[in-house]
Amino acid sequence: MSKVRQHILVRMHRWRLKHLGERGFITVLSIVVGLLAGIAAVIIKNTVRITEQLVHHLISNEVQNYIYFALPVVGILLAILFIKFVVRSQVRHGIPNVLHSISKRKGKVSTHNLFSSVVTASLTVGFGGSVGLEGPTVATGTAWGSWMAKVFRLNYKNTILMLACACAGAMAAIFKAPIAAIVFAVEVIMIDLTVFSLVPLLLASSTAVVTSYLFLGQNVLYPFKVIETFTLVDLPFYILLGIVSGFVSVYFTKVYLFVGDIFEKLKNNRIRLLIGGTGLGALIFFFPALYGEGYESINECLSGDLNYLFDNSLFYSLREEMWAALALIVAVILLKIVATSLTFGAGGVGGIFAPTLFMGVNTGMLFALLVKRMGIKDINENNFALIGMAGLIAGVLHAPLTGIFLIADISGGYQLFVPLMITATFAYLIVRTFTPNSVYHIQLAKRKELLTHDKDANVLQLMEVKKLIETDFEVLAPDATLRDLTMAISRNHRNLFPVVEADGTMVGMVKMDDVREMIFNHELYDTVKIRELMYMPEYHIDPDDSMEVVTSKFESSGRYNLAVIEDGKYIGFISRARVFTRYRKQIIDVSHV
């Protein structure tokens, strides 16, 4: 079977090379990737819907409120068992996994992501896990993009482009937002929007959204009718909403990282499931609005209906009291990210887009209700609820353009484009002051593995220190004589000679320039020892150093060659010329992406 497949692939390669140039072939592949990403979104949405219907069908009305306490634990447990016994490999969070694959794995995504995220996310969300589906959808789409790049043996720049097309396609399909999807690929995935990449991104995004329309309908995700358009007198309130959204975004990020760090210290998966699942179940029991993705709640909030705060809750009898509604809005804003973090900590799989939108719509609604209740101005709550979502997307994801275009796309609210811009911008400015990286980027940035739009830094990041090491240097022992050095010079074209103990420990080095006159004095050949001539260099390189550190050491030392030493043991040398040559080659490899 493998021989037949190999034969087919070879014939396809030959046909492609004969009939299609690089651009033409990438164009075709981008359409295919967009189609696959769209199908992945359709499958994951329908799988979650079927799972939810099945769960609710099996639950009787008499015990419905109490069963919510246990449902998320059941879903997460099933997801953990699927990962352990079927996948047998870690299922990472979708978008950070894509960024890590681009940064450290040359665009290679584990093949289990072709299906694993679909199943685990469906179980997590279908049973009430307080997360979204965009991350798993992106993970699935990029897995298919990576697989196609591997099958057709694409180079690095085209592989990364396929991953970007898959990301754009997945976001376009899941949110029915083709413009925002491309902006997302540029802003969050950090793909450079060049003439070469623009057409594939457009084709992938449009193909995916058409696929979504075909199976899921053409209705926007959040139907929204603009009754009151933007007026200048509301400008200060939109600015203030942006500032508030920025601080809520900071809270989101800090809590997400804090809870994540706590669960990271818990090595026992059973304890993580017990603590996370119990905490999540308790939150959902007291505040049912935190259940699942929360899209129904978002739509109700956008229409001005606050019953979602009281439905199936212990506070149902207070549904006519405005103070109770305000208190519950504050509670769900503060607790949504806690519920999301507990879902992840317990072992669930999902994304943070939906929680961000949920917190955003409630932040906007709370802001507008407080302004009205305090008698400051009669502003439109629905507009501010919509704009609040853009503020949180801009703040949490550090993606103001994505926030602007996504909310306009998914709601049809382009008439509010100016306030979307204002609120998103101020939210972004506030959050950048306190958190320099988004929740997607912060862990990669800590490990110095984050690729940005700085191409020079990206090229250095992609270069591997271990592949630059040269080992064709003549090694001398400390007890060797000048005669031994002379013989080594005659055999080797290098002008540096490392001095190494029998156990591999480097104790110094000898430079050709330092002994040039001595080697012509034959009387010194057997009397001068190498240990009398050697010196220990001030600077050396560790194999685990980043290329940024390596280049800094070359600049500080002024040397053309630096020794590579690991735990005192001699490994080899890295030359300035080799670094430059590799840098130039890497620039060519990533150009046009």
Protein backbone atom coordinates (compact mmCIF):
# COMPACT_ATOMS: atom_id res chain seq x y z
CA MET A 1 0.00 0.00 0.00
CA SER A 2 2.81 2.39 0.90
CA LYS A 3 4.54 1.70 -2.43
CA VAL A 4 1.34 2.47 -4.32
CA ARG A 5 0.89 5.71 -2.40
CA GLN A 6 4.52 6.65 -3.00
CA HIS A 7 4.10 5.97 -6.70
CA ILE A 8 1.00 8.16 -6.86
CA LEU A 9 2.74 10.99 -5.02
CA VAL A 10 5.76 10.81 -7.33
CA ARG A 11 3.50 11.04 -10.39
CA MET A 12 1.63 13.98 -8.83
CA HIS A 13 4.94 15.76 -8.17
CA ARG A 14 6.06 15.24 -11.74
CA TRP A 15 2.74 16.48 -13.12
CA ARG A 16 2.81 19.52 -10.84
CA LEU A 17 6.38 20.45 -11.79
CA LYS A 18 5.48 20.16 -15.46
CA HIS A 19 2.17 22.04 -15.44
CA LEU A 20 2.16 24.33 -12.39
CA GLY A 21 4.61 26.91 -11.15
CA GLU A 22 5.16 27.56 -7.45
CA ARG A 23 2.54 30.30 -7.18
CA GLY A 24 -0.06 28.33 -9.11
CA PHE A 25 0.46 25.24 -6.98
CA ILE A 26 0.30 27.23 -3.70
CA THR A 27 -2.91 28.85 -4.95
CA VAL A 28 -4.51 25.46 -5.53
CA LEU A 29 -3.32 24.15 -2.17
CA SER A 30 -4.70 27.21 -0.36
CA ILE A 31 -8.16 26.44 -1.72
CA VAL A 32 -7.88 22.82 -0.60
CA VAL A 33 -6.62 23.87 2.85
CA GLY A 34 -9.49 26.35 3.16
CA LEU A 35 -11.96 23.61 2.24
CA LEU A 36 -10.48 21.21 4.82
CA ALA A 37 -10.48 23.91 7.52
CA GLY A 38 -14.10 24.72 6.71
CA ILE A 39 -15.09 21.05 6.93
CA ALA A 40 -13.24 20.76 10.26
CA ALA A 41 -15.23 23.72 11.61
CA VAL A 42 -18.51 22.21 10.42
CA ILE A 43 -17.67 18.84 11.98
CA ILE A 44 -16.64 20.28 15.33
CA LYS A 45 -19.69 22.59 15.55
CA ASN A 46 -22.10 19.79 14.68
CA THR A 47 -20.36 17.30 16.97
CA VAL A 48 -20.71 19.70 19.90
CA ARG A 49 -24.36 20.37 19.05
CA ILE A 50 -25.13 16.63 18.86
CA THR A 51 -23.24 16.00 22.12
CA GLU A 52 -25.18 18.76 23.89
CA GLN A 53 -28.51 17.45 22.59
CA LEU A 54 -27.64 13.92 23.65
CA VAL A 55 -26.59 15.07 27.11
CA HIS A 56 -29.76 17.12 27.64
CA HIS A 57 -31.91 14.28 26.28
CA LEU A 58 -30.48 11.89 28.86
CA ILE A 59 -31.10 14.29 31.75
CA SER A 60 -34.56 14.50 33.27
CA ASN A 61 -35.96 17.91 34.16
CA GLU A 62 -36.23 16.97 37.84
CA VAL A 63 -32.48 16.69 38.34
CA GLN A 64 -31.30 19.08 35.65
CA ASN A 65 -30.02 21.82 37.98
CA TYR A 66 -28.06 19.43 40.17
CA ILE A 67 -26.60 17.38 37.34
CA TYR A 68 -24.83 20.49 36.05
CA PHE A 69 -22.50 20.07 39.00
CA ALA A 70 -21.23 16.74 37.59
CA LEU A 71 -21.59 17.17 33.83
CA PRO A 72 -18.34 19.10 33.17
CA VAL A 73 -16.36 16.53 35.17
CA VAL A 74 -17.82 13.71 33.06
CA GLY A 75 -16.98 15.47 29.81
CA ILE A 76 -13.43 16.31 30.84
CA LEU A 77 -12.89 12.76 32.14
CA LEU A 78 -14.00 11.32 28.80
CA ALA A 79 -11.63 13.70 27.01
CA ILE A 80 -8.74 12.64 29.29
CA LEU A 81 -9.48 8.94 28.70
CA PHE A 82 -9.60 9.51 24.94
CA ILE A 83 -6.22 11.25 25.05
CA LYS A 84 -4.68 8.57 27.25
CA PHE A 85 -5.91 5.44 25.47
CA VAL A 86 -6.50 6.58 21.87
CA VAL A 87 -4.27 9.58 21.13
CA ARG A 88 -1.51 8.58 23.56
CA SER A 89 0.08 11.99 23.21
CA GLN A 90 -0.50 15.40 24.69
CA VAL A 91 -3.21 17.49 23.02
CA ARG A 92 -1.96 21.06 23.38
CA HIS A 93 -4.04 24.22 23.30
CA GLY A 94 -4.75 25.06 19.66
CA ILE A 95 -3.31 28.47 18.85
CA PRO A 96 -0.25 28.37 21.19
CA ASN A 97 0.51 24.95 19.68
CA VAL A 98 0.43 26.44 16.18
CA LEU A 99 2.76 29.27 17.25
CA HIS A 100 5.15 26.75 18.84
CA SER A 101 5.10 24.61 15.67
CA ILE A 102 6.01 27.63 13.56
CA SER A 103 8.73 28.74 15.97
CA LYS A 104 10.42 25.47 16.95
CA ARG A 105 9.16 22.66 14.68
CA LYS A 106 9.40 24.28 11.25
CA GLY A 107 5.65 24.16 10.81
CA LYS A 108 5.21 20.49 11.68
CA VAL A 109 2.01 19.75 13.60
CA SER A 110 1.45 16.34 15.20
CA THR A 111 -0.75 14.15 13.00
CA HIS A 112 -3.08 13.24 15.87
CA ASN A 113 -4.36 16.82 15.67
CA LEU A 114 -6.12 15.80 12.47
CA PHE A 115 -8.86 14.40 14.73
CA SER A 116 -7.89 14.63 18.42
CA SER A 117 -8.94 18.24 19.00
CA VAL A 118 -12.32 17.63 17.39
CA VAL A 119 -13.16 14.77 19.75
CA THR A 120 -11.70 16.19 22.97
CA ALA A 121 -13.15 19.68 22.46
CA SER A 122 -16.57 18.23 21.62
CA LEU A 123 -16.55 16.24 24.85
CA THR A 124 -15.29 19.18 26.89
CA VAL A 125 -17.71 21.80 25.52
CA GLY A 126 -20.62 19.42 24.90
CA PHE A 127 -20.71 18.51 28.59
CA GLY A 128 -20.48 22.13 29.73
CA GLY A 129 -16.79 22.98 29.84
CA SER A 130 -16.50 26.78 29.96
CA VAL A 131 -14.31 27.18 26.87
CA GLY A 132 -14.69 27.88 23.14
CA LEU A 133 -14.15 25.95 19.92
CA GLU A 134 -11.95 28.28 17.90
CA GLY A 135 -8.67 26.92 19.32
CA PRO A 136 -9.43 23.24 18.55
CA THR A 137 -10.75 24.23 15.11
CA VAL A 138 -7.53 26.11 14.34
CA ALA A 139 -5.49 23.16 15.64
CA THR A 140 -7.38 20.76 13.37
CA GLY A 141 -7.14 23.01 10.33
CA THR A 142 -3.42 23.62 10.76
CA ALA A 143 -2.82 19.88 11.23
CA TRP A 144 -4.32 19.32 7.78
CA GLY A 145 -2.29 22.20 6.37
CA SER A 146 0.90 20.76 7.88
CA TRP A 147 0.05 17.29 6.59
CA MET A 148 -0.43 18.61 3.05
CA ALA A 149 2.83 20.52 3.26
CA LYS A 150 4.58 17.31 4.28
CA VAL A 151 2.94 15.24 1.53
CA PHE A 152 3.89 17.72 -1.18
CA ARG A 153 7.33 18.38 0.35
CA LEU A 154 6.89 22.13 0.63
CA ASN A 155 9.77 24.26 1.83
CA TYR A 156 9.66 26.20 5.09
CA LYS A 157 8.16 29.43 3.76
CA ASN A 158 5.32 27.63 1.95
CA THR A 159 4.69 25.32 4.89
CA ILE A 160 4.20 28.32 7.17
CA LEU A 161 1.95 29.89 4.55
CA MET A 162 -0.21 26.74 4.53
CA LEU A 163 -0.50 26.93 8.31
CA ALA A 164 -1.54 30.58 8.06
CA CYS A 165 -4.13 29.68 5.39
CA ALA A 166 -5.46 26.93 7.66
CA CYS A 167 -5.71 29.36 10.59
CA ALA A 168 -7.52 31.94 8.48
CA GLY A 169 -9.81 29.25 7.07
CA ALA A 170 -10.66 27.84 10.49
CA MET A 171 -11.45 31.27 11.95
CA ALA A 172 -13.46 32.27 8.87
CA ALA A 173 -15.55 29.10 9.08
CA ILE A 174 -16.12 28.98 12.84
CA PHE A 175 -17.12 32.66 13.09
CA LYS A 176 -18.30 33.24 9.49
CA ALA A 177 -15.93 36.20 9.45
CA PRO A 178 -13.58 36.00 6.41
CA ILE A 179 -12.04 39.46 6.76
CA ALA A 180 -11.38 39.12 10.48
CA ALA A 181 -9.85 35.69 9.85
CA ILE A 182 -7.13 37.14 7.62
CA VAL A 183 -6.48 39.94 10.10
CA PHE A 184 -6.22 37.29 12.83
CA ALA A 185 -3.57 35.40 10.85
CA VAL A 186 -1.54 38.59 10.53
CA GLU A 187 -2.03 39.90 14.07
CA VAL A 188 -2.00 36.77 16.22
CA ILE A 189 -0.29 34.09 14.13
CA MET A 190 2.26 36.77 13.07
CA ILE A 191 2.22 35.89 9.37
CA ASP A 192 3.64 38.68 7.19
CA LEU A 193 1.02 40.00 4.76
CA THR A 194 2.99 40.14 1.50
CA VAL A 195 1.95 40.10 -2.14
CA PHE A 196 2.91 36.42 -2.26
CA SER A 197 0.80 35.44 0.77
CA LEU A 198 -2.24 37.68 0.22
CA VAL A 199 -3.97 35.69 -2.53
CA PRO A 200 -3.64 32.28 -0.77
CA LEU A 201 -4.98 33.79 2.46
CA LEU A 202 -7.94 35.34 0.64
CA LEU A 203 -8.73 32.10 -1.17
CA ALA A 204 -8.42 29.94 1.94
CA SER A 205 -10.60 32.29 4.01
CA SER A 206 -13.30 32.65 1.34
CA THR A 207 -13.36 28.90 0.58
CA ALA A 208 -13.72 28.07 4.28
CA VAL A 209 -16.52 30.56 4.88
CA VAL A 210 -18.43 29.34 1.81
CA THR A 211 -18.09 25.79 3.15
CA SER A 212 -19.47 27.00 6.48
CA TYR A 213 -22.35 28.77 4.72
CA LEU A 214 -23.18 25.59 2.83
CA PHE A 215 -23.53 23.43 5.94
CA LEU A 216 -24.30 25.90 8.75
CA GLY A 217 -26.27 28.59 6.91
CA GLN A 218 -25.42 32.18 6.07
CA ASN A 219 -26.81 33.83 9.19
CA VAL A 220 -24.34 35.90 11.15
CA LEU A 221 -23.24 34.44 14.49
CA TYR A 222 -24.74 37.27 16.53
CA PRO A 223 -27.66 38.91 14.71
CA PHE A 224 -27.60 42.56 15.72
CA LYS A 225 -29.76 45.44 14.58
CA VAL A 226 -28.27 48.91 15.00
CA ILE A 227 -31.09 51.11 16.26
CA GLU A 228 -28.96 54.06 17.38
CA THR A 229 -25.88 54.87 15.31
CA PHE A 230 -22.74 56.53 16.61
CA THR A 231 -23.00 60.14 17.75
CA LEU A 232 -20.17 62.40 18.88
CA VAL A 233 -21.73 62.98 22.29
CA ASP A 234 -21.16 59.27 23.06
CA LEU A 235 -17.44 59.50 22.25
CA PRO A 236 -16.24 59.93 25.88
CA PHE A 237 -18.23 56.87 26.93
CA TYR A 238 -16.71 54.67 24.23
CA ILE A 239 -13.25 55.85 25.31
CA LEU A 240 -14.10 55.06 28.93
CA LEU A 241 -15.46 51.64 27.90
CA GLY A 242 -12.13 50.98 26.15
CA ILE A 243 -10.24 51.80 29.35
CA VAL A 244 -12.53 49.57 31.43
CA SER A 245 -12.19 46.77 28.86
CA GLY A 246 -8.42 47.12 29.05
CA PHE A 247 -8.41 46.59 32.82
CA VAL A 248 -10.81 43.64 32.52
CA SER A 249 -8.42 42.19 29.93
CA VAL A 250 -5.53 42.56 32.38
CA TYR A 251 -7.63 40.74 34.98
CA PHE A 252 -8.40 37.99 32.43
CA THR A 253 -4.70 37.47 31.65
CA LYS A 254 -3.50 37.56 35.27
CA VAL A 255 -6.15 35.10 36.50
CA TYR A 256 -5.61 32.77 33.53
CA LEU A 257 -1.88 32.60 34.20
CA PHE A 258 -2.29 32.38 37.99
CA VAL A 259 -4.70 29.45 37.87
CA GLY A 260 -2.63 27.81 35.14
CA ASP A 261 0.50 28.01 37.30
CA ILE A 262 -1.34 26.38 40.20
CA PHE A 263 -2.43 23.42 38.08
CA GLU A 264 1.03 23.18 36.52
CA LYS A 265 2.39 22.33 39.95
CA LEU A 266 -0.12 19.49 40.35
CA LYS A 267 1.51 16.50 38.66
CA ASN A 268 -1.26 14.01 39.48
CA ASN A 269 -3.93 14.12 36.76
CA ARG A 270 -6.58 12.70 39.09
CA ILE A 271 -6.06 15.52 41.57
CA ARG A 272 -6.18 18.06 38.75
CA LEU A 273 -9.45 16.58 37.50
CA LEU A 274 -10.91 16.46 41.00
CA ILE A 275 -10.00 20.03 41.90
CA GLY A 276 -10.69 21.56 38.50
CA GLY A 277 -13.85 19.59 37.81
CA THR A 278 -15.32 20.16 41.27
CA GLY A 279 -14.56 23.88 41.15
CA LEU A 280 -16.02 24.22 37.67
CA GLY A 281 -19.12 22.25 38.61
CA ALA A 282 -19.69 24.44 41.67
CA LEU A 283 -19.39 27.64 39.62
CA ILE A 284 -21.82 26.38 36.99
CA PHE A 285 -24.25 25.19 39.67
CA PHE A 286 -24.45 28.67 41.23
CA PHE A 287 -24.05 30.58 37.95
CA PRO A 288 -25.48 28.49 35.05
CA ALA A 289 -24.62 31.30 32.60
CA LEU A 290 -21.02 30.05 32.79
CA TYR A 291 -22.05 26.71 31.22
CA GLY A 292 -20.44 25.87 27.85
CA GLU A 293 -19.45 28.37 25.21
CA GLY A 294 -22.09 30.90 26.20
CA TYR A 295 -23.15 31.94 22.70
CA GLU A 296 -26.87 31.83 23.57
CA SER A 297 -26.20 34.06 26.57
CA ILE A 298 -24.27 36.49 24.38
CA ASN A 299 -27.17 36.75 21.93
CA GLU A 300 -29.63 37.35 24.76
CA CYS A 301 -27.38 40.05 26.20
CA LEU A 302 -27.06 41.76 22.82
CA SER A 303 -30.84 41.89 22.57
CA GLY A 304 -31.10 43.42 26.05
CA ASP A 305 -32.60 40.30 27.64
CA LEU A 306 -30.87 39.56 30.97
CA ASN A 307 -32.84 36.42 31.80
CA TYR A 308 -29.80 34.28 30.95
CA LEU A 309 -28.34 35.42 34.27
CA PHE A 310 -31.25 33.91 36.20
CA ASP A 311 -32.34 30.89 34.14
CA ASN A 312 -31.85 27.56 35.99
CA SER A 313 -30.19 29.39 38.87
CA LEU A 314 -30.84 29.76 42.58
CA PHE A 315 -31.50 33.46 41.95
CA TYR A 316 -34.44 32.98 39.58
CA SER A 317 -36.89 34.63 42.00
CA LEU A 318 -34.86 37.86 41.80
CA ARG A 319 -35.12 38.19 38.02
CA GLU A 320 -37.19 41.40 38.27
CA GLU A 321 -34.64 43.14 40.50
CA MET A 322 -32.12 45.34 38.68
CA TRP A 323 -29.65 45.27 41.58
CA ALA A 324 -29.61 41.47 41.35
CA ALA A 325 -28.95 41.63 37.59
CA LEU A 326 -26.07 44.05 38.11
CA ALA A 327 -24.59 41.86 40.83
CA LEU A 328 -24.84 38.75 38.68
CA ILE A 329 -23.23 40.51 35.70
CA VAL A 330 -20.28 41.46 37.92
CA ALA A 331 -20.10 37.87 39.17
CA VAL A 332 -20.09 36.23 35.72
CA ILE A 333 -17.50 38.72 34.44
CA LEU A 334 -15.16 37.93 37.32
CA LEU A 335 -15.82 34.19 37.36
CA LYS A 336 -15.91 33.34 33.64
CA ILE A 337 -12.13 33.30 33.30
CA VAL A 338 -11.92 31.29 36.54
CA ALA A 339 -14.29 28.71 35.05
CA THR A 340 -12.29 28.67 31.81
CA SER A 341 -9.00 28.23 33.66
CA LEU A 342 -10.47 25.42 35.78
CA THR A 343 -11.65 23.69 32.59
CA PHE A 344 -8.13 23.78 31.16
CA GLY A 345 -6.54 22.88 34.47
CA ALA A 346 -8.76 19.83 34.91
CA GLY A 347 -7.67 18.52 31.50
CA GLY A 348 -10.30 19.95 29.15
CA VAL A 349 -9.57 21.08 25.60
CA GLY A 350 -10.91 24.29 24.07
CA GLY A 351 -10.21 27.91 23.24
CA ILE A 352 -10.46 31.32 24.91
CA PHE A 353 -12.26 33.29 22.18
CA ALA A 354 -15.73 32.40 23.45
CA PRO A 355 -14.94 33.26 27.10
CA THR A 356 -13.41 36.54 25.92
CA LEU A 357 -16.55 37.43 23.94
CA PHE A 358 -18.74 36.46 26.89
CA MET A 359 -16.82 38.68 29.29
CA GLY A 360 -16.78 41.47 26.71
CA VAL A 361 -20.52 41.55 26.10
CA ASN A 362 -21.22 41.54 29.84
CA THR A 363 -18.62 44.23 30.47
CA GLY A 364 -20.24 46.47 27.86
CA MET A 365 -23.73 45.80 29.23
CA LEU A 366 -22.64 46.46 32.83
CA PHE A 367 -20.93 49.71 31.81
CA ALA A 368 -24.01 50.99 29.98
CA LEU A 369 -26.43 50.00 32.76
CA LEU A 370 -24.32 51.75 35.40
CA VAL A 371 -24.05 54.92 33.30
CA LYS A 372 -27.83 54.96 32.89
CA ARG A 373 -28.63 54.03 36.48
CA MET A 374 -26.38 56.80 37.79
CA GLY A 375 -28.26 59.27 35.61
CA ILE A 376 -25.14 60.35 33.69
CA LYS A 377 -26.60 59.76 30.20
CA ASP A 378 -29.17 57.57 28.52
CA ILE A 379 -26.93 55.44 26.28
CA ASN A 380 -27.86 52.38 24.23
CA GLU A 381 -26.99 49.25 26.26
CA ASN A 382 -27.06 46.95 23.24
CA ASN A 383 -24.50 49.01 21.33
CA PHE A 384 -22.15 49.09 24.30
CA ALA A 385 -22.58 45.36 24.87
CA LEU A 386 -21.49 44.76 21.26
CA ILE A 387 -18.58 47.20 21.46
CA GLY A 388 -17.45 45.60 24.74
CA MET A 389 -16.70 42.37 22.89
CA ALA A 390 -14.29 44.20 20.58
CA GLY A 391 -12.61 45.77 23.60
CA LEU A 392 -11.96 42.41 25.27
CA ILE A 393 -10.71 40.76 22.05
CA ALA A 394 -8.35 43.69 21.51
CA GLY A 395 -7.13 43.49 25.11
CA VAL A 396 -6.94 39.77 25.84
CA LEU A 397 -5.47 38.78 22.47
CA HIS A 398 -3.49 42.00 21.93
CA ALA A 399 -5.28 42.14 18.59
CA PRO A 400 -7.22 45.41 18.12
CA LEU A 401 -7.76 44.92 14.39
CA THR A 402 -9.06 41.40 14.95
CA GLY A 403 -11.44 42.75 17.59
CA ILE A 404 -12.72 45.46 15.26
CA PHE A 405 -13.27 43.32 12.17
CA LEU A 406 -14.43 40.21 14.04
CA ILE A 407 -17.23 41.98 15.91
CA ALA A 408 -18.26 43.86 12.78
CA ASP A 409 -18.25 40.61 10.78
CA ILE A 410 -20.08 38.36 13.23
CA SER A 411 -22.78 40.88 14.09
CA GLY A 412 -23.24 42.85 10.89
CA GLY A 413 -22.57 45.95 12.99
CA TYR A 414 -20.42 47.88 10.50
CA GLN A 415 -22.47 51.01 11.24
CA LEU A 416 -20.66 51.12 14.59
CA PHE A 417 -17.20 50.86 13.04
CA VAL A 418 -15.90 54.10 14.56
CA PRO A 419 -16.78 53.22 18.19
CA LEU A 420 -15.39 49.73 17.56
CA MET A 421 -12.08 51.34 16.60
CA ILE A 422 -12.07 53.74 19.53
CA THR A 423 -12.86 51.16 22.23
CA ALA A 424 -10.53 48.50 20.81
CA THR A 425 -7.65 50.98 20.58
CA PHE A 426 -7.95 52.23 24.16
CA ALA A 427 -8.36 48.69 25.50
CA TYR A 428 -5.19 47.67 23.68
CA LEU A 429 -3.24 50.67 24.99
CA ILE A 430 -4.23 49.89 28.58
CA VAL A 431 -3.46 46.17 28.45
CA ARG A 432 -0.07 46.70 26.79
CA THR A 433 0.95 48.82 29.76
CA PHE A 434 0.49 45.91 32.17
CA THR A 435 0.95 42.78 30.04
CA PRO A 436 3.42 43.09 27.14
CA ASN A 437 2.28 39.77 25.61
CA SER A 438 -1.11 38.16 25.06
CA VAL A 439 -2.17 34.89 26.69
CA TYR A 440 -1.31 33.16 23.39
CA HIS A 441 2.20 34.59 23.27
CA ILE A 442 3.29 35.00 26.87
CA GLN A 443 4.68 31.49 27.46
CA LEU A 444 6.55 31.46 24.14
CA ALA A 445 7.92 34.93 24.86
CA LYS A 446 9.21 33.76 28.27
CA ARG A 447 11.11 30.94 26.56
CA LYS A 448 12.28 33.34 23.81
CA GLU A 449 10.51 31.18 21.23
CA LEU A 450 8.02 33.76 19.95
CA LEU A 451 8.22 34.80 16.30
CA THR A 452 7.02 38.34 15.63
CA HIS A 453 6.89 40.65 12.60
CA ASP A 454 10.57 41.49 13.25
CA LYS A 455 12.08 39.39 10.44
CA ASP A 456 15.64 39.84 11.67
CA ALA A 457 14.74 38.50 15.12
CA ASN A 458 12.70 35.70 13.54
CA VAL A 459 15.60 34.54 11.39
CA LEU A 460 17.88 34.39 14.44
CA GLN A 461 15.17 32.50 16.32
CA LEU A 462 14.93 29.89 13.56
CA MET A 463 18.68 29.29 13.45
CA GLU A 464 19.95 26.40 15.59
CA VAL A 465 23.23 26.82 17.45
CA LYS A 466 24.09 23.12 17.30
CA LYS A 467 23.98 23.15 13.49
CA LEU A 468 26.58 25.92 13.36
CA ILE A 469 29.26 24.06 15.36
CA GLU A 470 32.46 23.16 13.51
CA THR A 471 34.57 20.31 14.86
CA ASP A 472 37.48 20.09 12.37
CA PHE A 473 39.96 21.63 14.82
CA GLU A 474 43.17 19.90 15.88
CA VAL A 475 42.93 19.15 19.61
CA LEU A 476 46.06 19.29 21.80
CA ALA A 477 46.74 17.96 25.29
CA PRO A 478 48.11 20.31 27.98
CA ASP A 479 51.33 18.27 28.18
CA ALA A 480 51.94 18.45 24.43
CA THR A 481 55.05 20.27 23.24
CA LEU A 482 55.74 22.97 20.70
CA ARG A 483 56.77 20.17 18.32
CA ASP A 484 53.28 18.66 18.63
CA LEU A 485 51.78 22.05 17.89
CA THR A 486 53.99 22.48 14.83
CA MET A 487 52.88 19.10 13.50
CA ALA A 488 49.25 20.03 14.14
CA ILE A 489 49.72 23.26 12.19
CA SER A 490 51.10 21.34 9.24
CA ARG A 491 48.05 19.01 9.22
CA ASN A 492 45.30 21.58 9.81
CA HIS A 493 44.18 24.72 8.04
CA ARG A 494 42.85 26.32 11.24
CA ASN A 495 44.73 28.95 13.25
CA LEU A 496 43.11 28.00 16.58
CA PHE A 497 44.01 24.92 18.59
CA PRO A 498 41.85 23.91 21.59
CA VAL A 499 43.69 22.43 24.58
CA VAL A 500 41.66 19.60 26.08
CA GLU A 501 42.21 17.21 28.98
CA ALA A 502 41.85 13.43 28.52
CA ASP A 503 38.28 13.60 29.93
CA GLY A 504 37.24 16.21 27.36
CA THR A 505 37.50 19.25 29.61
CA MET A 506 38.71 22.33 27.77
CA VAL A 507 41.48 24.09 29.68
CA GLY A 508 42.55 26.65 27.12
CA MET A 509 43.46 27.34 23.49
CA VAL A 510 46.46 28.41 21.44
CA LYS A 511 46.36 31.00 18.66
CA MET A 512 48.60 30.71 15.63
CA ASP A 513 49.48 34.41 15.88
CA ASP A 514 50.86 33.94 19.40
CA VAL A 515 53.40 31.27 18.38
CA ARG A 516 54.22 32.32 14.82
CA GLU A 517 57.85 33.27 15.65
CA MET A 518 58.40 30.37 18.07
CA ILE A 519 57.66 27.64 15.54
CA PHE A 520 60.75 28.62 13.57
CA ASN A 521 62.99 28.16 16.61
CA HIS A 522 63.73 24.41 16.61
CA GLU A 523 65.53 24.59 19.96
CA LEU A 524 62.19 25.24 21.67
CA TYR A 525 60.32 22.30 20.11
CA ASP A 526 60.81 19.88 23.00
CA THR A 527 61.22 22.32 25.89
CA VAL A 528 58.13 24.52 25.59
CA LYS A 529 54.89 22.95 26.75
CA ILE A 530 51.46 23.86 25.40
CA ARG A 531 50.22 24.72 28.88
CA GLU A 532 52.79 27.58 28.84
CA LEU A 533 51.32 28.97 25.62
CA MET A 534 47.59 28.48 26.11
CA TYR A 535 45.03 30.94 27.44
CA MET A 536 41.41 30.50 28.45
CA PRO A 537 39.08 32.65 26.32
CA GLU A 538 36.89 35.17 28.12
CA TYR A 539 33.89 34.35 25.96
CA HIS A 540 32.48 30.98 25.00
CA ILE A 541 29.17 29.59 23.73
CA ASP A 542 26.89 27.05 25.36
CA PRO A 543 24.99 24.74 22.96
CA ASP A 544 21.72 25.85 24.62
CA ASP A 545 22.39 29.54 24.03
CA SER A 546 19.93 31.33 21.77
CA MET A 547 21.21 32.89 18.57
CA GLU A 548 20.52 36.29 20.06
CA VAL A 549 22.99 35.47 22.84
CA VAL A 550 25.50 34.08 20.34
CA THR A 551 25.45 37.21 18.18
CA SER A 552 25.75 39.36 21.30
CA LYS A 553 28.86 37.43 22.37
CA PHE A 554 30.46 37.87 18.94
CA GLU A 555 29.73 41.59 19.08
CA SER A 556 31.07 41.99 22.64
CA SER A 557 34.20 39.89 22.14
CA GLY A 558 35.17 41.13 18.69
CA ARG A 559 36.31 37.54 17.95
CA TYR A 560 35.84 35.68 14.68
CA ASN A 561 35.63 32.26 16.37
CA LEU A 562 34.17 31.31 19.74
CA ALA A 563 34.57 27.98 21.51
CA VAL A 564 31.48 25.89 22.27
CA ILE A 565 31.70 24.42 25.76
CA GLU A 566 29.05 22.35 27.54
CA ASP A 567 29.53 21.70 31.25
CA GLY A 568 33.23 22.40 30.81
CA LYS A 569 33.58 19.89 27.95
CA TYR A 570 34.92 20.99 24.59
CA ILE A 571 32.39 20.63 21.73
CA GLY A 572 33.80 22.70 18.87
CA PHE A 573 33.84 26.25 17.53
CA ILE A 574 31.36 28.59 15.88
CA SER A 575 32.68 31.14 13.42
CA ARG A 576 31.28 34.57 12.67
CA ALA A 577 31.45 33.76 8.94
CA ARG A 578 29.38 30.58 9.36
CA VAL A 579 26.75 32.46 11.35
CA PHE A 580 26.51 35.10 8.62
CA THR A 581 26.30 32.53 5.83
CA ARG A 582 23.55 30.62 7.64
CA TYR A 583 21.73 33.87 8.37
CA ARG A 584 21.69 34.79 4.68
CA LYS A 585 20.40 31.34 3.74
CA GLN A 586 17.68 31.53 6.38
CA ILE A 587 16.59 34.94 5.07
CA ILE A 588 16.09 33.37 1.64
CA ASP A 589 14.19 30.43 3.14
CA VAL A 590 11.63 32.63 4.92
CA SER A 591 11.33 35.38 2.32
CA HIS A 592 7.93 36.13 0.75
CA VAL A 593 6.11 34.67 3.79
